[in-house]
Amino acid sequence: MALNLFIFAKWYAMDPKDIKEGIGHRYVGFYGSLVKALLRLSVRSQVFWYSVDDQSLNIIYQNGCTKQKASIVSAFHMAISETLRNRSHLAVLLAFPSSLPGVRTRTRYRLVEYFLCLITVKLFSFGRIKTIVDDFDPFVEGLCAFSETEPSTYMVTYTRIMEKFTLKVSSFIVVLSDFWKKYIGQIYRVKDNKISVASMGSLVRLIPHNGSKSDSSLMVLYSGSALRVKDIDKLVSSIEKLRAEGMNVDLHIAGAKLMDLPSWVNTEYCDWSRFVCTILLRSDVCVIPYSPARFGFCHSMPAKLFDYMAAGKPIISTDLEEVADIIRSNNCGLVAADWNEFEMHVKRLYENRELATKLGNNGRVAAEKYYDYEILAETFLESLIQHFDRK
């Protein structure tokens, strides 16, 4: 069966240098691996990747890529007409919600285009064109997790409507975990067999692992922006207490500095490739400090978790449900019920480097086996083909 792919995303990202936070990680890792797997499978396949930010359509073939300016409607039309002309099938993959056009007056027409295109695909696909929603960051829950203030009633209402519409017109939905599968099914009354799971992962083969130092210091790494909403202030306070006890512990934050930090905290923001080959490689312990009290954080699957694992680093996390399940099931780190226990875990790994190495090695093995984006993409492609084969 000949299969084409239309990716509707915030921007075009196939190269690791294009990784921007969790969104870019998903694009380059999962979507990029999916594109490569599809083109290896069939010389007839084409990939149409639409970038909402710059309104461009990237057409990817076996031997190259072309780029042109296009509206949402013209991009959809080109992908559909090429697919029908070549008697192929088309999978429309929506990177939701990051790719959703804005609601400002000057860009509101893009929302109209978005609605029209999805409805057209729904009504006139005849089984050869299917829409897949990759709902990797549930809309309202993400707003509530990352904002210092509660979103307005208007914004919540708007986002619920947009999400419900998008999910209802889709052929099937992809989520990051079994929890989100159950949750989205209940909130939007979507049948269980319409939702599948494709976890976050890592570009494992591009990440050097382990690395060693000759000194006795402990470098604790947090990858992400420094924000109070992410409990970075509590992380800093915990490390500061250990330093006051005489421990040679350093804290490095690899991300944007969006709050005041003590002078002893090292901060550096760099692209993903440099990050994994330098900062991540030389770290000793990697942390996820998010508050379990925030629903979106408690059930999130942050991209940093899988990079930490792929790098062979032991992880210390607060008791986030999804993260904690992965850490415990793969024995690749320690989970803290509160900040006192968090400090104890840092101290334990400071004193027991053999345990730290063991936990890190376990993480690398699990990343290679379960969370490699190339493997996840191959599995998803197989399920996608099976979905088209169903009568």
Protein backbone atom coordinates (compact mmCIF):
# COMPACT_ATOMS: atom_id res chain seq x y z
CA MET A 1 0.00 0.00 0.00
CA ALA A 2 1.39 3.42 -1.01
CA LEU A 3 1.14 5.87 1.90
CA ASN A 4 1.77 9.62 2.03
CA LEU A 5 2.07 11.68 5.21
CA PHE A 6 0.88 15.23 5.87
CA ILE A 7 2.30 16.74 9.08
CA PHE A 8 0.57 19.87 10.38
CA ALA A 9 2.94 21.39 12.94
CA LYS A 10 4.02 24.67 14.51
CA TRP A 11 7.28 24.68 12.55
CA TYR A 12 9.40 22.38 10.40
CA ALA A 13 11.98 20.42 12.42
CA MET A 14 13.88 17.41 11.15
CA ASP A 15 17.34 18.30 12.44
CA PRO A 16 18.44 18.08 16.12
CA LYS A 17 19.50 21.74 15.95
CA ASP A 18 15.80 22.57 15.49
CA ILE A 19 14.80 21.07 18.84
CA LYS A 20 13.05 23.70 20.95
CA GLU A 21 11.89 22.45 24.33
CA GLY A 22 9.49 19.50 24.44
CA ILE A 23 7.67 20.42 21.24
CA GLY A 24 10.78 20.41 19.07
CA HIS A 25 11.93 17.22 20.75
CA ARG A 26 8.70 15.49 19.69
CA TYR A 27 8.93 16.92 16.16
CA VAL A 28 12.53 15.93 15.48
CA GLY A 29 12.40 12.68 17.44
CA PHE A 30 9.02 11.10 16.72
CA TYR A 31 7.93 12.86 13.52
CA GLY A 32 11.43 12.93 12.03
CA SER A 33 11.92 9.22 12.73
CA LEU A 34 8.46 8.50 11.30
CA VAL A 35 9.31 10.36 8.09
CA LYS A 36 12.58 8.43 7.67
CA ALA A 37 10.89 5.09 8.39
CA LEU A 38 8.15 5.80 5.84
CA LEU A 39 10.59 6.81 3.08
CA ARG A 40 12.67 3.70 3.73
CA LEU A 41 9.55 1.58 3.41
CA SER A 42 8.32 3.00 0.10
CA VAL A 43 10.04 4.91 -2.70
CA ARG A 44 6.61 6.16 -3.81
CA SER A 45 5.80 7.85 -0.52
CA GLN A 46 5.87 11.62 -0.06
CA VAL A 47 5.78 13.69 3.10
CA PHE A 48 4.08 17.10 3.20
CA TRP A 49 5.16 19.01 6.34
CA TYR A 50 3.26 22.26 6.90
CA SER A 51 4.72 24.92 9.20
CA VAL A 52 2.05 27.19 10.71
CA ASP A 53 4.54 29.77 12.00
CA ASP A 54 5.94 30.75 8.58
CA GLN A 55 3.11 29.35 6.42
CA SER A 56 5.42 27.11 4.44
CA LEU A 57 5.00 23.63 2.99
CA ASN A 58 8.04 21.33 2.99
CA ILE A 59 7.68 18.42 0.56
CA ILE A 60 10.05 15.58 1.41
CA TYR A 61 10.97 12.86 -1.09
CA GLN A 62 13.39 9.95 -1.12
CA ASN A 63 16.17 12.17 -2.47
CA GLY A 64 15.53 15.62 -1.09
CA CYS A 65 13.13 18.32 0.07
CA THR A 66 11.52 21.40 -1.46
CA LYS A 67 9.94 24.33 0.35
CA GLN A 68 7.30 26.80 -0.74
CA LYS A 69 4.95 29.38 0.77
CA ALA A 70 1.39 28.09 1.16
CA SER A 71 -1.83 28.76 3.01
CA ILE A 72 -3.35 26.02 5.14
CA VAL A 73 -5.98 25.34 2.48
CA SER A 74 -3.52 25.20 -0.43
CA ALA A 75 -1.17 22.91 1.56
CA PHE A 76 -4.00 20.48 2.33
CA HIS A 77 -5.21 20.66 -1.28
CA MET A 78 -1.75 19.86 -2.67
CA ALA A 79 -1.26 16.88 -0.35
CA ILE A 80 -4.73 15.48 -1.05
CA SER A 81 -4.63 15.98 -4.84
CA GLU A 82 -1.16 14.39 -5.10
CA THR A 83 -2.34 11.44 -3.03
CA LEU A 84 -5.49 10.86 -5.09
CA ARG A 85 -3.65 11.34 -8.37
CA ASN A 86 -1.10 8.69 -7.44
CA ARG A 87 -3.77 6.36 -6.02
CA SER A 88 -2.09 6.52 -2.63
CA HIS A 89 -3.38 6.88 0.92
CA LEU A 90 -2.80 9.93 3.12
CA ALA A 91 -2.30 10.14 6.89
CA VAL A 92 -2.85 13.69 8.18
CA LEU A 93 -0.91 14.04 11.44
CA LEU A 94 -1.91 17.04 13.59
CA ALA A 95 0.64 18.11 16.21
CA PHE A 96 -1.98 19.32 18.66
CA PRO A 97 -2.27 21.81 20.34
CA SER A 98 1.01 23.58 19.49
CA SER A 99 0.17 23.89 15.79
CA LEU A 100 -3.26 25.44 16.35
CA PRO A 101 -3.44 28.84 14.56
CA GLY A 102 -3.68 31.89 16.83
CA VAL A 103 -6.89 33.72 17.71
CA ARG A 104 -5.70 37.27 17.08
CA THR A 105 -7.82 39.27 14.62
CA ARG A 106 -5.19 39.33 11.88
CA THR A 107 -4.70 35.55 11.96
CA ARG A 108 -8.27 34.52 12.69
CA TYR A 109 -8.80 33.50 9.08
CA ARG A 110 -6.31 30.67 9.66
CA LEU A 111 -8.68 29.19 12.23
CA VAL A 112 -11.42 29.21 9.58
CA GLU A 113 -9.04 27.45 7.19
CA TYR A 114 -8.18 24.94 9.91
CA PHE A 115 -11.86 24.14 10.52
CA LEU A 116 -12.68 23.84 6.81
CA CYS A 117 -9.75 21.55 6.06
CA LEU A 118 -10.51 19.14 8.89
CA ILE A 119 -14.19 19.00 8.00
CA THR A 120 -13.34 18.43 4.32
CA VAL A 121 -11.02 15.56 5.18
CA LYS A 122 -13.67 14.08 7.48
CA LEU A 123 -16.47 14.27 4.89
CA PHE A 124 -14.65 13.35 1.69
CA SER A 125 -11.82 11.01 2.65
CA PHE A 126 -13.60 7.81 1.52
CA GLY A 127 -11.23 5.78 3.67
CA ARG A 128 -8.08 6.78 1.77
CA ILE A 129 -7.40 9.86 3.91
CA LYS A 130 -7.36 9.71 7.69
CA THR A 131 -6.66 12.34 10.35
CA ILE A 132 -4.51 11.43 13.34
CA VAL A 133 -4.29 13.83 16.31
CA ASP A 134 -1.08 13.67 18.31
CA ASP A 135 -2.46 15.25 21.51
CA PHE A 136 0.90 15.26 23.30
CA ASP A 137 0.20 18.28 25.53
CA PRO A 138 -3.49 18.41 26.59
CA PHE A 139 -4.56 21.99 26.07
CA VAL A 140 -6.21 23.23 29.27
CA GLU A 141 -4.10 21.03 31.54
CA GLY A 142 -0.93 22.44 29.96
CA LEU A 143 -2.15 26.01 30.46
CA CYS A 144 -2.84 25.36 34.13
CA ALA A 145 0.53 23.66 34.74
CA PHE A 146 2.87 26.21 33.17
CA SER A 147 1.15 29.49 34.08
CA GLU A 148 1.70 31.43 37.30
CA THR A 149 -1.99 32.41 37.19
CA GLU A 150 -5.16 30.49 36.41
CA PRO A 151 -6.28 30.78 32.76
CA SER A 152 -9.42 32.82 32.16
CA THR A 153 -12.85 31.23 31.78
CA TYR A 154 -12.86 32.44 28.18
CA MET A 155 -9.55 30.73 27.41
CA VAL A 156 -10.60 27.47 29.06
CA THR A 157 -13.90 27.45 27.18
CA TYR A 158 -12.22 28.24 23.87
CA THR A 159 -9.55 25.56 24.27
CA ARG A 160 -12.07 22.90 25.32
CA ILE A 161 -14.15 23.61 22.22
CA MET A 162 -11.12 23.52 19.92
CA GLU A 163 -9.84 20.30 21.43
CA LYS A 164 -13.24 18.59 21.32
CA PHE A 165 -13.75 19.57 17.69
CA THR A 166 -10.29 18.37 16.67
CA LEU A 167 -10.62 15.06 18.48
CA LYS A 168 -14.13 14.38 17.19
CA VAL A 169 -13.23 14.84 13.52
CA SER A 170 -10.10 12.70 13.79
CA SER A 171 -9.86 9.08 12.67
CA PHE A 172 -7.86 8.24 15.77
CA ILE A 173 -5.87 9.92 18.53
CA VAL A 174 -2.34 9.46 19.85
CA VAL A 175 -1.48 10.25 23.49
CA LEU A 176 1.67 9.90 25.59
CA SER A 177 0.48 7.49 28.28
CA ASP A 178 -2.28 5.17 29.41
CA PHE A 179 -3.37 7.84 31.90
CA TRP A 180 -4.01 10.42 29.16
CA LYS A 181 -5.78 7.77 27.11
CA LYS A 182 -8.26 7.20 29.92
CA TYR A 183 -8.53 10.88 30.83
CA ILE A 184 -9.18 12.18 27.30
CA GLY A 185 -11.63 9.37 26.68
CA GLN A 186 -13.66 10.41 29.73
CA ILE A 187 -13.45 14.20 29.26
CA TYR A 188 -14.39 14.18 25.57
CA ARG A 189 -16.34 10.92 25.48
CA VAL A 190 -14.04 9.31 22.94
CA LYS A 191 -14.17 5.55 22.50
CA ASP A 192 -11.20 3.64 23.90
CA ASN A 193 -10.41 1.94 20.58
CA LYS A 194 -9.98 5.35 18.93
CA ILE A 195 -7.00 6.24 21.17
CA SER A 196 -3.50 4.74 21.04
CA VAL A 197 -0.33 5.44 23.03
CA ALA A 198 2.99 6.64 21.58
CA SER A 199 5.25 7.67 24.44
CA MET A 200 7.76 10.49 24.52
CA GLY A 201 11.23 9.14 23.87
CA SER A 202 14.76 10.15 22.98
CA LEU A 203 17.15 10.20 20.04
CA VAL A 204 19.17 7.56 21.84
CA ARG A 205 21.89 6.91 19.26
CA LEU A 206 22.79 10.64 19.24
CA ILE A 207 23.32 10.85 23.00
CA PRO A 208 26.71 9.87 24.46
CA HIS A 209 26.23 8.10 27.77
CA ASN A 210 27.83 7.89 31.18
CA GLY A 211 31.04 9.95 31.28
CA SER A 212 33.19 10.21 34.40
CA LYS A 213 35.06 12.75 36.49
CA SER A 214 38.12 12.44 38.63
CA ASP A 215 37.00 14.87 41.37
CA SER A 216 34.59 14.18 44.22
CA SER A 217 32.07 16.93 43.47
CA LEU A 218 28.53 16.14 42.39
CA MET A 219 27.03 18.04 39.49
CA VAL A 220 23.23 18.14 39.72
CA LEU A 221 21.55 19.07 36.43
CA TYR A 222 18.10 20.45 35.73
CA SER A 223 17.29 20.78 32.03
CA GLY A 224 14.65 23.43 31.43
CA SER A 225 13.76 27.03 32.10
CA ALA A 226 14.14 28.38 35.63
CA LEU A 227 10.63 29.24 36.84
CA ARG A 228 9.03 29.28 40.28
CA VAL A 229 5.99 27.50 38.86
CA LYS A 230 8.36 24.56 38.23
CA ASP A 231 9.56 24.70 41.88
CA ILE A 232 13.08 25.72 40.89
CA ASP A 233 13.23 27.90 44.01
CA LYS A 234 12.71 24.79 46.15
CA LEU A 235 15.35 22.89 44.18
CA VAL A 236 17.86 25.70 44.74
CA SER A 237 17.02 25.81 48.46
CA SER A 238 17.55 22.04 48.82
CA ILE A 239 20.96 22.09 47.15
CA GLU A 240 21.93 25.13 49.18
CA LYS A 241 21.24 23.23 52.42
CA LEU A 242 23.50 20.38 51.33
CA ARG A 243 26.25 22.84 50.43
CA ALA A 244 25.88 24.40 53.88
CA GLU A 245 26.51 20.95 55.36
CA GLY A 246 29.87 20.88 53.60
CA MET A 247 28.98 18.75 50.57
CA ASN A 248 30.63 19.63 47.27
CA VAL A 249 27.41 19.78 45.26
CA ASP A 250 26.92 22.05 42.24
CA LEU A 251 23.65 22.91 40.53
CA HIS A 252 23.55 23.52 36.79
CA ILE A 253 20.40 24.77 35.05
CA ALA A 254 20.42 24.27 31.29
CA GLY A 255 17.69 26.63 30.16
CA ALA A 256 16.38 30.17 30.20
CA LYS A 257 16.89 32.11 33.44
CA LEU A 258 13.43 33.51 34.20
CA MET A 259 13.83 34.11 37.93
CA ASP A 260 16.48 35.39 40.33
CA LEU A 261 19.11 32.77 41.23
CA PRO A 262 22.09 32.77 43.63
CA SER A 263 25.49 33.41 42.07
CA TRP A 264 26.66 29.85 42.81
CA VAL A 265 23.98 28.36 40.50
CA ASN A 266 25.40 27.78 37.01
CA THR A 267 23.08 28.59 34.11
CA GLU A 268 23.64 27.99 30.41
CA TYR A 269 21.28 27.84 27.47
CA CYS A 270 22.46 26.04 24.32
CA ASP A 271 21.07 23.97 21.46
CA TRP A 272 20.17 20.34 22.04
CA SER A 273 23.19 18.79 20.28
CA ARG A 274 25.66 20.78 22.36
CA PHE A 275 23.63 20.17 25.50
CA VAL A 276 23.74 16.36 25.26
CA CYS A 277 27.42 16.26 24.26
CA THR A 278 28.67 18.64 26.94
CA ILE A 279 26.40 19.64 29.84
CA LEU A 280 24.42 16.39 30.06
CA LEU A 281 27.49 14.23 29.51
CA ARG A 282 29.44 15.75 32.39
CA SER A 283 26.55 15.82 34.87
CA ASP A 284 26.34 13.28 37.72
CA VAL A 285 22.68 13.41 38.74
CA CYS A 286 19.70 14.76 36.78
CA VAL A 287 16.54 16.08 38.43
CA ILE A 288 12.87 16.76 37.74
CA PRO A 289 11.55 19.06 40.52
CA TYR A 290 7.96 19.73 39.37
CA SER A 291 5.12 19.92 41.88
CA PRO A 292 2.82 16.85 41.96
CA ALA A 293 0.05 19.18 43.13
CA ARG A 294 -0.23 20.57 39.61
CA PHE A 295 -2.33 18.14 37.60
CA GLY A 296 -0.54 18.80 34.29
CA PHE A 297 2.89 18.23 35.85
CA CYS A 298 1.84 15.18 37.84
CA HIS A 299 0.83 13.34 34.69
CA SER A 300 3.36 14.81 32.28
CA MET A 301 6.05 12.86 30.45
CA PRO A 302 8.78 15.52 30.03
CA ALA A 303 11.24 15.01 27.18
CA LYS A 304 14.13 15.62 29.59
CA LEU A 305 13.35 12.35 31.42
CA PHE A 306 14.25 10.25 28.38
CA ASP A 307 17.36 12.26 27.54
CA TYR A 308 18.51 11.75 31.14
CA MET A 309 17.94 8.01 30.77
CA ALA A 310 19.66 7.80 27.37
CA ALA A 311 22.69 9.59 28.81
CA GLY A 312 22.98 6.96 31.55
CA LYS A 313 22.38 9.42 34.37
CA PRO A 314 20.63 8.58 37.66
CA ILE A 315 17.44 10.60 38.10
CA ILE A 316 15.89 12.17 41.18
CA SER A 317 12.29 13.29 40.76
CA THR A 318 9.43 14.53 42.84
CA ASP A 319 6.52 12.10 43.04
CA LEU A 320 5.01 12.75 39.61
CA GLU A 321 2.79 9.81 38.73
CA GLU A 322 3.91 9.07 35.18
CA VAL A 323 7.58 9.92 35.76
CA ALA A 324 7.70 7.96 39.00
CA ASP A 325 6.22 4.86 37.33
CA ILE A 326 8.96 4.90 34.69
CA ILE A 327 11.75 5.49 37.21
CA ARG A 328 10.56 2.73 39.54
CA SER A 329 9.76 0.15 36.86
CA ASN A 330 13.19 0.60 35.25
CA ASN A 331 15.10 1.16 38.51
CA CYS A 332 16.84 4.17 37.00
CA GLY A 333 16.50 6.72 39.78
CA LEU A 334 14.94 7.77 43.06
CA VAL A 335 11.53 9.32 43.75
CA ALA A 336 11.00 11.81 46.58
CA ALA A 337 7.73 12.18 48.48
CA ASP A 338 8.76 15.67 49.70
CA TRP A 339 11.70 18.05 49.63
CA ASN A 340 13.32 16.56 52.74
CA GLU A 341 13.45 13.19 50.98
CA PHE A 342 14.67 14.91 47.81
CA GLU A 343 17.67 16.24 49.76
CA MET A 344 18.27 12.78 51.26
CA HIS A 345 18.33 11.24 47.78
CA VAL A 346 20.90 13.77 46.55
CA LYS A 347 23.01 13.08 49.64
CA ARG A 348 22.69 9.32 49.09
CA LEU A 349 23.98 9.51 45.53
CA TYR A 350 26.70 11.92 46.60
CA GLU A 351 27.97 9.32 49.05
CA ASN A 352 27.28 6.22 46.93
CA ARG A 353 28.64 6.67 43.41
CA GLU A 354 28.36 2.97 42.71
CA LEU A 355 24.57 3.17 43.19
CA ALA A 356 24.45 6.26 40.97
CA THR A 357 26.29 4.41 38.20
CA LYS A 358 24.00 1.37 38.50
CA LEU A 359 20.83 3.47 38.29
CA GLY A 360 22.22 5.39 35.31
CA ASN A 361 23.14 2.22 33.44
CA ASN A 362 19.63 0.86 34.02
CA GLY A 363 18.22 4.02 32.48
CA ARG A 364 20.35 3.70 29.35
CA VAL A 365 19.28 0.08 28.84
CA ALA A 366 15.59 1.04 29.23
CA ALA A 367 15.97 3.98 26.83
CA GLU A 368 17.50 1.74 24.17
CA LYS A 369 14.82 -0.91 24.62
CA TYR A 370 11.61 1.05 25.16
CA TYR A 371 12.07 4.79 24.56
CA ASP A 372 14.15 5.10 21.40
CA TYR A 373 12.22 7.36 19.01
CA GLU A 374 13.35 5.29 16.02
CA ILE A 375 11.74 2.18 17.54
CA LEU A 376 8.63 4.10 18.65
CA ALA A 377 8.20 5.53 15.14
CA GLU A 378 8.59 2.13 13.46
CA THR A 379 5.94 0.66 15.77
CA PHE A 380 3.59 3.58 15.12
CA LEU A 381 4.04 3.27 11.35
CA GLU A 382 3.08 -0.39 11.52
CA SER A 383 -0.10 0.46 13.45
CA LEU A 384 -0.85 3.29 11.01
CA ILE A 385 -0.68 0.94 8.03
CA GLN A 386 -2.89 -1.55 9.84
CA HIS A 387 -5.40 1.23 10.51
CA PHE A 388 -5.69 1.92 6.77
CA ASP A 389 -6.04 -1.79 6.06
CA ARG A 390 -9.14 -2.07 8.27
CA LYS A 391 -12.37 -2.29 6.34
